[in-house]
């Protein structure tokens, strides 16, 4: 399977269908309401996609889940800041509910004051940076890349480049997506355009 921005957006995404109602679940951030523009929305693809695939377009802060070759759902996301965003083709290698989290060595080196205290890990829960669910991205050899698509206890960061490299969704959206995707699904993180 080959995904490219050119193929995926050859004729552009068709106009998004009307927003659908979304049942809210308890959020970890008190009283924060998901803005309407960040609600999941159905889309039609201009080019056929592999059903079950996940495609992240960092220029639009969007994650697309292909439900069929031509239909999918668009979710708003936050992405890695600066040069911490990593594009590439991956496979969904693991899924975890309320996952524990351990900062990488690079994260600790970049900001020891913030991350060193968690060098031995943080248990899963509402304040954990991975949020309610995490999808683990593996390389073509089956190795964990330490890249994740996950929830967040900071839902107001959706729509911005703020993370240490992972893709983040509002907790209620990652819960929905988690239940729909299967281990082994292809995942494509498209490259950023120059200047973004």
N, C-alpha and C. Protein backbone atom coordinates (compact mmCIF):
# COMPACT_ATOMS: atom_id res chain seq x y z
N UNK A 1 0.84 -1.17 0.00
CA UNK A 1 0.00 0.00 0.00
C UNK A 1 0.88 1.23 0.00
N UNK A 2 0.58 2.19 -0.86
CA UNK A 2 1.36 3.41 -0.93
C UNK A 2 0.46 4.60 -0.70
N UNK A 3 0.76 5.37 0.33
CA UNK A 3 0.05 6.61 0.59
C UNK A 3 0.98 7.75 0.27
N UNK A 4 0.53 8.72 -0.43
CA UNK A 4 1.28 9.95 -0.60
C UNK A 4 0.29 11.09 -0.50
N UNK A 5 0.79 12.27 -0.15
CA UNK A 5 -0.10 13.43 -0.08
C UNK A 5 -0.72 13.66 -1.46
N UNK A 6 0.08 13.47 -2.52
CA UNK A 6 -0.43 13.69 -3.87
C UNK A 6 -1.61 12.77 -4.16
N UNK A 7 -1.47 11.47 -3.81
CA UNK A 7 -2.57 10.54 -4.06
C UNK A 7 -3.76 10.80 -3.15
N UNK A 8 -3.45 11.08 -1.89
CA UNK A 8 -4.52 11.23 -0.92
C UNK A 8 -5.36 12.46 -1.21
N UNK A 9 -4.69 13.51 -1.65
CA UNK A 9 -5.38 14.77 -1.89
C UNK A 9 -5.35 15.16 -3.37
N UNK A 10 -5.26 14.16 -4.26
CA UNK A 10 -5.12 14.43 -5.69
C UNK A 10 -6.17 15.43 -6.17
N UNK A 11 -7.38 15.19 -5.84
CA UNK A 11 -8.43 16.12 -6.22
C UNK A 11 -8.96 16.85 -5.00
N UNK A 12 -8.27 16.73 -3.91
CA UNK A 12 -8.73 17.33 -2.66
C UNK A 12 -9.79 16.47 -2.02
N UNK A 13 -9.91 16.59 -0.75
CA UNK A 13 -11.00 15.89 -0.09
C UNK A 13 -12.30 16.53 -0.51
N UNK A 14 -13.28 15.71 -0.71
CA UNK A 14 -14.59 16.26 -1.00
C UNK A 14 -15.05 17.06 0.21
N UNK A 15 -15.95 17.94 -0.03
CA UNK A 15 -16.43 18.76 1.07
C UNK A 15 -16.91 17.87 2.20
N UNK A 16 -16.51 18.21 3.41
CA UNK A 16 -16.92 17.41 4.56
C UNK A 16 -18.43 17.42 4.67
N UNK A 17 -18.98 16.28 5.00
CA UNK A 17 -20.42 16.19 5.21
C UNK A 17 -20.78 16.93 6.49
N UNK A 18 -22.04 17.22 6.73
CA UNK A 18 -22.40 17.94 7.94
C UNK A 18 -21.88 17.23 9.19
N UNK A 19 -21.56 18.02 10.19
CA UNK A 19 -21.08 17.46 11.45
C UNK A 19 -22.16 16.59 12.05
N UNK A 20 -21.74 15.52 12.65
CA UNK A 20 -22.72 14.65 13.29
C UNK A 20 -22.72 14.94 14.78
N UNK A 21 -23.80 14.60 15.42
CA UNK A 21 -23.86 14.76 16.87
C UNK A 21 -22.88 13.79 17.49
N UNK A 22 -22.29 14.17 18.58
CA UNK A 22 -21.30 13.31 19.23
C UNK A 22 -21.63 13.21 20.71
N UNK A 23 -21.75 11.98 21.20
CA UNK A 23 -22.05 11.76 22.61
C UNK A 23 -20.79 12.01 23.43
N UNK A 24 -20.84 12.97 24.30
CA UNK A 24 -19.67 13.30 25.12
C UNK A 24 -19.52 12.32 26.27
N UNK A 25 -18.28 12.01 26.59
CA UNK A 25 -17.97 11.20 27.75
C UNK A 25 -17.21 12.08 28.72
N UNK A 26 -17.07 11.62 29.94
CA UNK A 26 -16.38 12.40 30.95
C UNK A 26 -14.97 12.76 30.48
N UNK A 27 -14.61 14.02 30.62
CA UNK A 27 -13.29 14.48 30.22
C UNK A 27 -12.42 14.65 31.45
N UNK A 28 -11.12 14.55 31.26
CA UNK A 28 -10.20 14.75 32.36
C UNK A 28 -10.01 16.22 32.67
N UNK A 29 -10.22 17.11 31.71
CA UNK A 29 -10.11 18.54 31.94
C UNK A 29 -11.49 19.06 32.32
N UNK A 30 -11.59 19.58 33.53
CA UNK A 30 -12.89 20.00 34.05
C UNK A 30 -13.54 21.06 33.18
N UNK A 31 -14.81 20.83 32.87
CA UNK A 31 -15.67 21.80 32.19
C UNK A 31 -15.20 22.22 30.80
N UNK A 32 -14.23 21.53 30.21
CA UNK A 32 -13.79 21.91 28.87
C UNK A 32 -14.71 21.27 27.85
N UNK A 33 -15.24 22.09 26.95
CA UNK A 33 -16.16 21.60 25.93
C UNK A 33 -15.44 21.62 24.59
N UNK A 34 -15.55 20.54 23.85
CA UNK A 34 -14.90 20.45 22.54
C UNK A 34 -15.56 21.45 21.59
N UNK A 35 -14.78 22.38 21.03
CA UNK A 35 -15.36 23.32 20.05
C UNK A 35 -15.91 22.56 18.85
N UNK A 36 -16.96 23.09 18.28
CA UNK A 36 -17.63 22.42 17.16
C UNK A 36 -16.68 22.08 16.02
N UNK A 37 -15.72 22.98 15.73
CA UNK A 37 -14.81 22.73 14.61
C UNK A 37 -13.87 21.56 14.86
N UNK A 38 -13.77 21.08 16.11
CA UNK A 38 -12.90 19.95 16.43
C UNK A 38 -13.66 18.64 16.58
N UNK A 39 -14.96 18.66 16.34
CA UNK A 39 -15.73 17.42 16.42
C UNK A 39 -15.41 16.53 15.22
N UNK A 40 -15.45 15.20 15.40
CA UNK A 40 -15.25 14.30 14.27
C UNK A 40 -16.28 14.56 13.18
N UNK A 41 -15.86 14.38 11.94
CA UNK A 41 -16.78 14.60 10.83
C UNK A 41 -16.55 13.56 9.74
N UNK A 42 -17.62 13.12 9.10
CA UNK A 42 -17.46 12.18 7.99
C UNK A 42 -16.86 12.89 6.78
N UNK A 43 -16.04 12.17 6.03
CA UNK A 43 -15.43 12.71 4.81
C UNK A 43 -15.51 11.66 3.71
N UNK A 44 -15.38 12.13 2.48
CA UNK A 44 -15.26 11.25 1.31
C UNK A 44 -13.88 11.48 0.72
N UNK A 45 -13.18 10.39 0.41
CA UNK A 45 -11.84 10.48 -0.15
C UNK A 45 -11.89 10.62 -1.67
N UNK A 46 -10.99 11.42 -2.21
CA UNK A 46 -10.92 11.59 -3.66
C UNK A 46 -10.22 10.41 -4.33
N UNK A 47 -9.40 9.68 -3.57
CA UNK A 47 -8.70 8.49 -4.06
C UNK A 47 -9.01 7.33 -3.12
N UNK A 48 -9.06 6.09 -3.61
CA UNK A 48 -9.34 4.95 -2.73
C UNK A 48 -8.28 4.81 -1.63
N UNK A 49 -8.73 4.45 -0.45
CA UNK A 49 -7.86 4.23 0.70
C UNK A 49 -8.05 2.79 1.20
N UNK A 50 -7.09 2.30 1.94
CA UNK A 50 -7.20 0.97 2.53
C UNK A 50 -8.14 1.04 3.73
N UNK A 51 -9.25 0.31 3.73
CA UNK A 51 -10.15 0.34 4.88
C UNK A 51 -9.40 -0.01 6.17
N UNK A 52 -9.64 0.77 7.20
CA UNK A 52 -8.98 0.58 8.48
C UNK A 52 -7.74 1.42 8.67
N UNK A 53 -7.21 1.99 7.59
CA UNK A 53 -5.98 2.78 7.67
C UNK A 53 -6.20 4.09 8.42
N UNK A 54 -5.12 4.57 9.04
CA UNK A 54 -5.09 5.89 9.68
C UNK A 54 -4.09 6.75 8.92
N UNK A 55 -4.48 7.97 8.59
CA UNK A 55 -3.62 8.90 7.87
C UNK A 55 -3.63 10.21 8.64
N UNK A 56 -2.45 10.72 8.99
CA UNK A 56 -2.34 12.00 9.70
C UNK A 56 -1.78 13.04 8.74
N UNK A 57 -2.49 14.15 8.59
CA UNK A 57 -2.01 15.27 7.80
C UNK A 57 -1.67 16.41 8.76
N UNK A 58 -0.37 16.62 9.03
CA UNK A 58 0.03 17.62 10.02
C UNK A 58 -0.29 19.05 9.61
N UNK A 59 -0.38 19.31 8.31
CA UNK A 59 -0.67 20.67 7.86
C UNK A 59 -2.09 21.09 8.21
N UNK A 60 -2.98 20.11 8.36
CA UNK A 60 -4.38 20.39 8.69
C UNK A 60 -4.75 19.93 10.10
N UNK A 61 -3.76 19.46 10.87
CA UNK A 61 -4.02 18.93 12.22
C UNK A 61 -5.18 17.95 12.16
N UNK A 62 -5.10 17.02 11.20
CA UNK A 62 -6.20 16.09 10.96
C UNK A 62 -5.70 14.66 10.91
N UNK A 63 -6.50 13.77 11.48
CA UNK A 63 -6.30 12.33 11.37
C UNK A 63 -7.52 11.79 10.64
N UNK A 64 -7.28 11.00 9.59
CA UNK A 64 -8.36 10.38 8.84
C UNK A 64 -8.35 8.88 9.11
N UNK A 65 -9.53 8.35 9.43
CA UNK A 65 -9.70 6.91 9.60
C UNK A 65 -10.54 6.42 8.42
N UNK A 66 -9.95 5.60 7.57
CA UNK A 66 -10.66 5.07 6.40
C UNK A 66 -11.62 3.97 6.83
N UNK A 67 -12.90 4.22 6.70
CA UNK A 67 -13.92 3.22 7.04
C UNK A 67 -14.15 2.28 5.85
N UNK A 68 -14.12 2.84 4.65
CA UNK A 68 -14.19 2.08 3.40
C UNK A 68 -13.15 2.70 2.47
N UNK A 69 -13.10 2.24 1.23
CA UNK A 69 -12.14 2.83 0.29
C UNK A 69 -12.42 4.31 0.05
N UNK A 70 -13.66 4.74 0.14
CA UNK A 70 -14.03 6.11 -0.21
C UNK A 70 -14.61 6.94 0.95
N UNK A 71 -14.91 6.30 2.06
CA UNK A 71 -15.49 7.03 3.20
C UNK A 71 -14.61 6.91 4.42
N UNK A 72 -14.63 7.96 5.22
CA UNK A 72 -13.85 7.93 6.45
C UNK A 72 -14.34 8.95 7.45
N UNK A 73 -13.62 9.03 8.55
CA UNK A 73 -13.89 10.03 9.58
C UNK A 73 -12.64 10.89 9.75
N UNK A 74 -12.86 12.18 9.95
CA UNK A 74 -11.77 13.11 10.22
C UNK A 74 -11.83 13.51 11.69
N UNK A 75 -10.68 13.40 12.37
CA UNK A 75 -10.54 13.82 13.76
C UNK A 75 -9.51 14.94 13.82
N UNK A 76 -9.75 15.93 14.66
CA UNK A 76 -8.76 16.99 14.87
C UNK A 76 -7.71 16.49 15.86
N UNK A 77 -6.45 16.87 15.61
CA UNK A 77 -5.34 16.37 16.43
C UNK A 77 -4.36 17.49 16.76
N UNK A 78 -3.52 17.22 17.75
CA UNK A 78 -2.31 18.00 18.00
C UNK A 78 -1.15 17.14 17.53
N UNK A 79 -0.07 17.79 17.12
CA UNK A 79 1.08 17.04 16.57
C UNK A 79 2.37 17.48 17.26
N UNK A 80 3.46 16.83 16.88
CA UNK A 80 4.78 17.16 17.41
C UNK A 80 5.21 18.56 17.02
N UNK A 81 5.80 19.26 17.97
CA UNK A 81 6.25 20.63 17.71
C UNK A 81 7.59 20.61 16.95
N UNK A 82 7.80 21.63 16.15
CA UNK A 82 9.07 21.80 15.45
C UNK A 82 9.51 20.55 14.71
N UNK A 83 10.77 20.18 14.95
CA UNK A 83 11.32 19.00 14.26
C UNK A 83 11.04 17.70 15.01
N UNK A 84 10.17 17.72 16.01
CA UNK A 84 9.85 16.50 16.76
C UNK A 84 8.78 15.66 16.06
N UNK A 85 8.06 16.24 15.10
CA UNK A 85 7.09 15.47 14.32
C UNK A 85 7.87 14.55 13.38
N UNK A 86 7.48 13.28 13.35
CA UNK A 86 8.18 12.30 12.50
C UNK A 86 7.19 11.69 11.51
N UNK A 87 7.44 11.93 10.24
CA UNK A 87 6.57 11.36 9.21
C UNK A 87 7.04 9.95 8.87
N UNK A 88 6.16 9.19 8.22
CA UNK A 88 6.54 7.85 7.79
C UNK A 88 5.37 6.90 7.77
N UNK A 89 5.65 5.68 7.31
CA UNK A 89 4.65 4.61 7.26
C UNK A 89 4.91 3.66 8.43
N UNK A 90 3.85 3.35 9.15
CA UNK A 90 3.94 2.53 10.35
C UNK A 90 2.81 1.50 10.35
N UNK A 91 2.83 0.65 11.36
CA UNK A 91 1.77 -0.32 11.59
C UNK A 91 1.29 -0.16 13.02
N UNK A 92 -0.02 -0.28 13.22
CA UNK A 92 -0.56 -0.25 14.57
C UNK A 92 -0.17 -1.56 15.25
N UNK A 93 0.78 -1.48 16.20
CA UNK A 93 1.33 -2.69 16.81
C UNK A 93 0.75 -3.06 18.15
N UNK A 94 0.12 -2.09 18.84
CA UNK A 94 -0.48 -2.37 20.15
C UNK A 94 -1.50 -1.29 20.47
N UNK A 95 -2.45 -1.64 21.34
CA UNK A 95 -3.47 -0.71 21.83
C UNK A 95 -3.55 -0.88 23.34
N UNK A 96 -3.64 0.24 24.06
CA UNK A 96 -3.75 0.14 25.52
C UNK A 96 -4.75 1.15 26.06
N UNK A 97 -5.55 0.69 27.04
CA UNK A 97 -6.48 1.56 27.74
C UNK A 97 -5.79 2.13 28.97
N UNK A 98 -5.97 3.41 29.23
CA UNK A 98 -5.35 4.11 30.36
C UNK A 98 -3.90 3.65 30.53
N UNK A 99 -3.09 3.86 29.49
CA UNK A 99 -1.71 3.36 29.49
C UNK A 99 -0.81 4.09 30.48
N UNK A 100 0.20 3.38 30.95
CA UNK A 100 1.25 4.04 31.72
C UNK A 100 2.12 4.79 30.73
N UNK A 101 2.95 5.69 31.25
CA UNK A 101 3.79 6.52 30.38
C UNK A 101 5.15 6.70 31.01
N UNK A 102 6.17 6.61 30.19
CA UNK A 102 7.54 6.87 30.61
C UNK A 102 8.16 7.79 29.57
N UNK A 103 8.70 8.95 29.98
CA UNK A 103 9.33 9.83 29.00
C UNK A 103 10.56 9.16 28.40
N UNK A 104 10.85 9.48 27.15
CA UNK A 104 12.04 8.94 26.50
C UNK A 104 13.29 9.64 27.05
N UNK A 105 14.44 9.05 26.80
CA UNK A 105 15.71 9.68 27.21
C UNK A 105 15.85 11.06 26.58
N UNK A 106 15.44 11.17 25.32
CA UNK A 106 15.53 12.47 24.64
C UNK A 106 14.65 13.52 25.31
N UNK A 107 13.46 13.13 25.74
CA UNK A 107 12.58 14.07 26.43
C UNK A 107 13.23 14.54 27.73
N UNK A 108 13.79 13.61 28.48
CA UNK A 108 14.45 13.97 29.75
C UNK A 108 15.64 14.88 29.48
N UNK A 109 16.41 14.60 28.43
CA UNK A 109 17.57 15.44 28.10
C UNK A 109 17.13 16.84 27.70
N UNK A 110 16.02 16.96 26.95
CA UNK A 110 15.53 18.27 26.51
C UNK A 110 14.99 19.10 27.66
N UNK A 111 14.31 18.45 28.60
CA UNK A 111 13.66 19.19 29.69
C UNK A 111 13.69 18.36 30.98
N UNK A 112 14.87 18.25 31.61
CA UNK A 112 14.99 17.40 32.80
C UNK A 112 14.09 17.85 33.95
N UNK A 113 13.87 19.13 34.07
CA UNK A 113 13.03 19.62 35.18
C UNK A 113 11.60 19.09 35.08
N UNK A 114 11.09 19.01 33.87
CA UNK A 114 9.72 18.53 33.68
C UNK A 114 9.63 17.00 33.67
N UNK A 115 10.63 16.32 33.08
CA UNK A 115 10.47 14.89 32.82
C UNK A 115 11.27 13.94 33.70
N UNK A 116 12.36 14.38 34.30
CA UNK A 116 13.22 13.46 35.06
C UNK A 116 12.47 12.78 36.20
N UNK A 117 11.54 13.47 36.83
CA UNK A 117 10.80 12.88 37.95
C UNK A 117 9.96 11.68 37.52
N UNK A 118 9.70 11.56 36.21
CA UNK A 118 8.90 10.45 35.70
C UNK A 118 9.75 9.41 34.98
N UNK A 119 11.05 9.43 35.19
CA UNK A 119 11.96 8.50 34.50
C UNK A 119 11.60 7.04 34.72
N UNK A 120 10.99 6.73 35.86
CA UNK A 120 10.57 5.35 36.14
C UNK A 120 9.12 5.10 35.74
N UNK A 121 8.48 6.10 35.15
CA UNK A 121 7.13 5.92 34.65
C UNK A 121 6.06 6.58 35.49
N UNK A 122 4.91 6.79 34.86
CA UNK A 122 3.71 7.33 35.50
C UNK A 122 2.58 6.35 35.21
N UNK A 123 1.84 5.95 36.24
CA UNK A 123 0.73 5.03 35.98
C UNK A 123 -0.36 5.71 35.14
N UNK A 124 -1.16 4.89 34.48
CA UNK A 124 -2.27 5.42 33.70
C UNK A 124 -3.27 6.12 34.59
N UNK A 125 -4.00 7.06 34.03
CA UNK A 125 -5.01 7.81 34.77
C UNK A 125 -5.31 9.13 34.09
N UNK A 126 -6.24 9.90 34.65
CA UNK A 126 -6.69 11.13 34.00
C UNK A 126 -5.62 12.20 33.82
N UNK A 127 -4.55 12.17 34.60
CA UNK A 127 -3.49 13.18 34.47
C UNK A 127 -2.30 12.68 33.65
N UNK A 128 -2.34 11.42 33.22
CA UNK A 128 -1.26 10.84 32.42
C UNK A 128 -1.24 11.50 31.04
N UNK A 129 -0.06 11.87 30.52
CA UNK A 129 0.02 12.53 29.21
C UNK A 129 -0.57 11.74 28.05
N UNK A 130 -0.67 10.41 28.17
CA UNK A 130 -1.23 9.61 27.08
C UNK A 130 -2.76 9.56 27.10
N UNK A 131 -3.36 10.10 28.15
CA UNK A 131 -4.80 10.15 28.21
C UNK A 131 -5.46 8.79 28.35
N UNK A 132 -6.68 8.69 27.84
CA UNK A 132 -7.54 7.52 28.06
C UNK A 132 -7.15 6.28 27.26
N UNK A 133 -6.53 6.47 26.09
CA UNK A 133 -6.17 5.34 25.23
C UNK A 133 -4.91 5.71 24.46
N UNK A 134 -4.17 4.67 24.03
CA UNK A 134 -2.99 4.90 23.18
C UNK A 134 -2.90 3.82 22.13
N UNK A 135 -2.53 4.24 20.93
CA UNK A 135 -2.26 3.35 19.80
C UNK A 135 -0.76 3.43 19.57
N UNK A 136 -0.08 2.28 19.58
CA UNK A 136 1.38 2.21 19.52
C UNK A 136 1.82 1.94 18.09
N UNK A 137 2.69 2.80 17.55
CA UNK A 137 3.12 2.67 16.17
C UNK A 137 4.43 1.89 16.08
N UNK A 138 4.45 0.86 15.25
CA UNK A 138 5.61 0.00 15.06
C UNK A 138 6.17 0.21 13.65
N UNK A 139 7.48 -0.05 13.49
CA UNK A 139 8.11 0.07 12.18
C UNK A 139 7.89 -1.22 11.38
N UNK A 140 8.45 -1.26 10.17
CA UNK A 140 8.22 -2.41 9.29
C UNK A 140 8.90 -3.69 9.76
N UNK A 141 9.79 -3.59 10.77
CA UNK A 141 10.42 -4.78 11.35
C UNK A 141 9.71 -5.25 12.61
N UNK A 142 8.62 -4.56 12.97
CA UNK A 142 7.87 -4.93 14.16
C UNK A 142 8.40 -4.34 15.45
N UNK A 143 9.27 -3.31 15.34
CA UNK A 143 9.82 -2.66 16.53
C UNK A 143 8.97 -1.46 16.94
N UNK A 144 8.81 -1.27 18.23
CA UNK A 144 8.10 -0.11 18.76
C UNK A 144 8.91 1.15 18.44
N UNK A 145 8.26 2.14 17.83
CA UNK A 145 8.94 3.39 17.47
C UNK A 145 8.87 4.43 18.58
N UNK A 146 8.09 4.16 19.61
CA UNK A 146 7.80 5.10 20.69
C UNK A 146 6.91 6.26 20.23
N UNK A 147 6.42 6.19 19.00
CA UNK A 147 5.42 7.14 18.54
C UNK A 147 4.05 6.58 18.91
N UNK A 148 3.16 7.48 19.31
CA UNK A 148 1.83 7.08 19.74
C UNK A 148 0.79 7.99 19.11
N UNK A 149 -0.40 7.47 18.96
CA UNK A 149 -1.60 8.26 18.73
C UNK A 149 -2.39 8.05 20.01
N UNK A 150 -2.64 9.12 20.74
CA UNK A 150 -3.17 8.95 22.10
C UNK A 150 -4.10 10.09 22.50
N UNK A 151 -4.73 9.93 23.65
CA UNK A 151 -5.55 10.97 24.23
C UNK A 151 -4.68 12.02 24.91
N UNK A 152 -5.33 12.94 25.61
CA UNK A 152 -4.58 13.97 26.32
C UNK A 152 -5.39 14.52 27.48
N UNK A 153 -4.71 14.85 28.60
CA UNK A 153 -5.39 15.55 29.68
C UNK A 153 -5.47 17.06 29.41
N UNK A 154 -4.95 17.50 28.26
CA UNK A 154 -4.95 18.92 27.87
C UNK A 154 -5.65 19.07 26.52
N UNK A 155 -6.97 18.90 26.49
CA UNK A 155 -7.68 18.90 25.21
C UNK A 155 -7.60 20.22 24.45
N UNK A 156 -7.33 21.30 25.14
CA UNK A 156 -7.23 22.61 24.49
C UNK A 156 -6.00 22.71 23.58
N UNK A 157 -5.10 21.71 23.61
CA UNK A 157 -3.91 21.72 22.74
C UNK A 157 -4.18 21.13 21.36
N UNK A 158 -5.39 20.60 21.15
CA UNK A 158 -5.74 20.06 19.83
C UNK A 158 -5.73 21.21 18.82
N UNK A 159 -5.23 20.92 17.63
CA UNK A 159 -5.15 21.95 16.60
C UNK A 159 -3.86 22.74 16.65
N UNK A 160 -2.87 22.22 17.39
CA UNK A 160 -1.58 22.92 17.48
C UNK A 160 -0.43 21.91 17.50
N UNK A 161 0.77 22.44 17.27
CA UNK A 161 1.99 21.62 17.28
C UNK A 161 2.65 21.81 18.64
N UNK A 162 2.39 20.88 19.57
CA UNK A 162 2.84 21.05 20.95
C UNK A 162 3.50 19.83 21.56
N UNK A 163 3.38 18.68 20.94
CA UNK A 163 3.82 17.45 21.60
C UNK A 163 5.30 17.16 21.36
N UNK A 164 5.78 16.10 21.99
CA UNK A 164 7.16 15.63 21.82
C UNK A 164 7.28 14.68 20.64
N UNK A 165 6.30 14.65 19.77
CA UNK A 165 6.36 13.83 18.56
C UNK A 165 5.11 13.01 18.31
N UNK A 166 4.34 12.74 19.35
CA UNK A 166 3.13 11.93 19.19
C UNK A 166 1.99 12.76 18.60
N UNK A 167 0.94 12.04 18.18
CA UNK A 167 -0.29 12.65 17.70
C UNK A 167 -1.31 12.51 18.81
N UNK A 168 -1.95 13.61 19.20
CA UNK A 168 -2.91 13.56 20.31
C UNK A 168 -4.31 13.94 19.87
N UNK A 169 -5.28 13.28 20.47
CA UNK A 169 -6.69 13.57 20.25
C UNK A 169 -7.34 13.85 21.59
N UNK A 170 -8.51 14.48 21.55
CA UNK A 170 -9.33 14.63 22.74
C UNK A 170 -9.66 13.22 23.24
N UNK A 171 -9.70 13.03 24.55
CA UNK A 171 -9.92 11.69 25.11
C UNK A 171 -11.15 10.99 24.53
N UNK A 172 -12.27 11.69 24.42
CA UNK A 172 -13.47 11.01 23.92
C UNK A 172 -13.31 10.57 22.47
N UNK A 173 -12.48 11.29 21.71
CA UNK A 173 -12.27 10.90 20.31
C UNK A 173 -11.32 9.70 20.20
N UNK A 174 -10.29 9.65 21.03
CA UNK A 174 -9.39 8.48 20.99
C UNK A 174 -10.12 7.24 21.50
N UNK A 175 -11.05 7.41 22.43
CA UNK A 175 -11.85 6.26 22.89
C UNK A 175 -12.68 5.71 21.73
N UNK A 176 -13.31 6.59 20.96
CA UNK A 176 -14.09 6.16 19.80
C UNK A 176 -13.19 5.47 18.78
N UNK A 177 -12.07 6.10 18.45
CA UNK A 177 -11.16 5.55 17.45
C UNK A 177 -10.57 4.22 17.90
N UNK A 178 -10.20 4.13 19.17
CA UNK A 178 -9.61 2.91 19.74
C UNK A 178 -10.51 1.70 19.50
N UNK A 179 -11.80 1.90 19.66
CA UNK A 179 -12.75 0.80 19.49
C UNK A 179 -12.95 0.41 18.03
N UNK A 180 -12.55 1.28 17.11
CA UNK A 180 -12.77 1.03 15.68
C UNK A 180 -11.56 0.46 14.95
N UNK A 181 -10.36 0.74 15.45
CA UNK A 181 -9.15 0.32 14.72
C UNK A 181 -8.65 -1.04 15.22
N UNK A 182 -7.95 -1.74 14.33
CA UNK A 182 -7.46 -3.07 14.66
C UNK A 182 -5.94 -3.12 14.62
N UNK A 183 -5.37 -3.98 15.47
CA UNK A 183 -3.93 -4.23 15.43
C UNK A 183 -3.57 -4.65 14.00
N UNK A 184 -2.47 -4.13 13.50
CA UNK A 184 -2.04 -4.44 12.14
C UNK A 184 -2.47 -3.40 11.12
N UNK A 185 -3.31 -2.45 11.52
CA UNK A 185 -3.76 -1.41 10.59
C UNK A 185 -2.58 -0.56 10.12
N UNK A 186 -2.56 -0.19 8.84
CA UNK A 186 -1.51 0.70 8.35
C UNK A 186 -1.74 2.12 8.87
N UNK A 187 -0.65 2.80 9.18
CA UNK A 187 -0.70 4.18 9.68
C UNK A 187 0.29 5.00 8.87
N UNK A 188 -0.16 6.12 8.34
CA UNK A 188 0.73 7.00 7.59
C UNK A 188 0.73 8.37 8.24
N UNK A 189 1.91 8.84 8.63
CA UNK A 189 2.08 10.21 9.11
C UNK A 189 2.70 10.98 7.94
N UNK A 190 1.88 11.76 7.27
CA UNK A 190 2.35 12.53 6.11
C UNK A 190 3.40 13.55 6.55
N UNK A 191 4.32 13.90 5.67
CA UNK A 191 5.31 14.92 6.03
C UNK A 191 4.67 16.30 6.10
N UNK A 192 5.28 17.17 6.91
CA UNK A 192 4.85 18.56 6.96
C UNK A 192 5.28 19.25 5.67
N UNK A 193 4.47 20.19 5.21
CA UNK A 193 4.89 21.01 4.08
C UNK A 193 5.95 21.99 4.56
N UNK A 194 6.78 22.44 3.65
CA UNK A 194 7.79 23.42 4.02
C UNK A 194 7.11 24.66 4.56
N UNK A 195 7.68 25.21 5.62
CA UNK A 195 7.14 26.42 6.22
C UNK A 195 6.09 26.18 7.29
N UNK A 196 5.75 24.90 7.57
CA UNK A 196 4.77 24.65 8.63
C UNK A 196 5.45 24.08 9.84
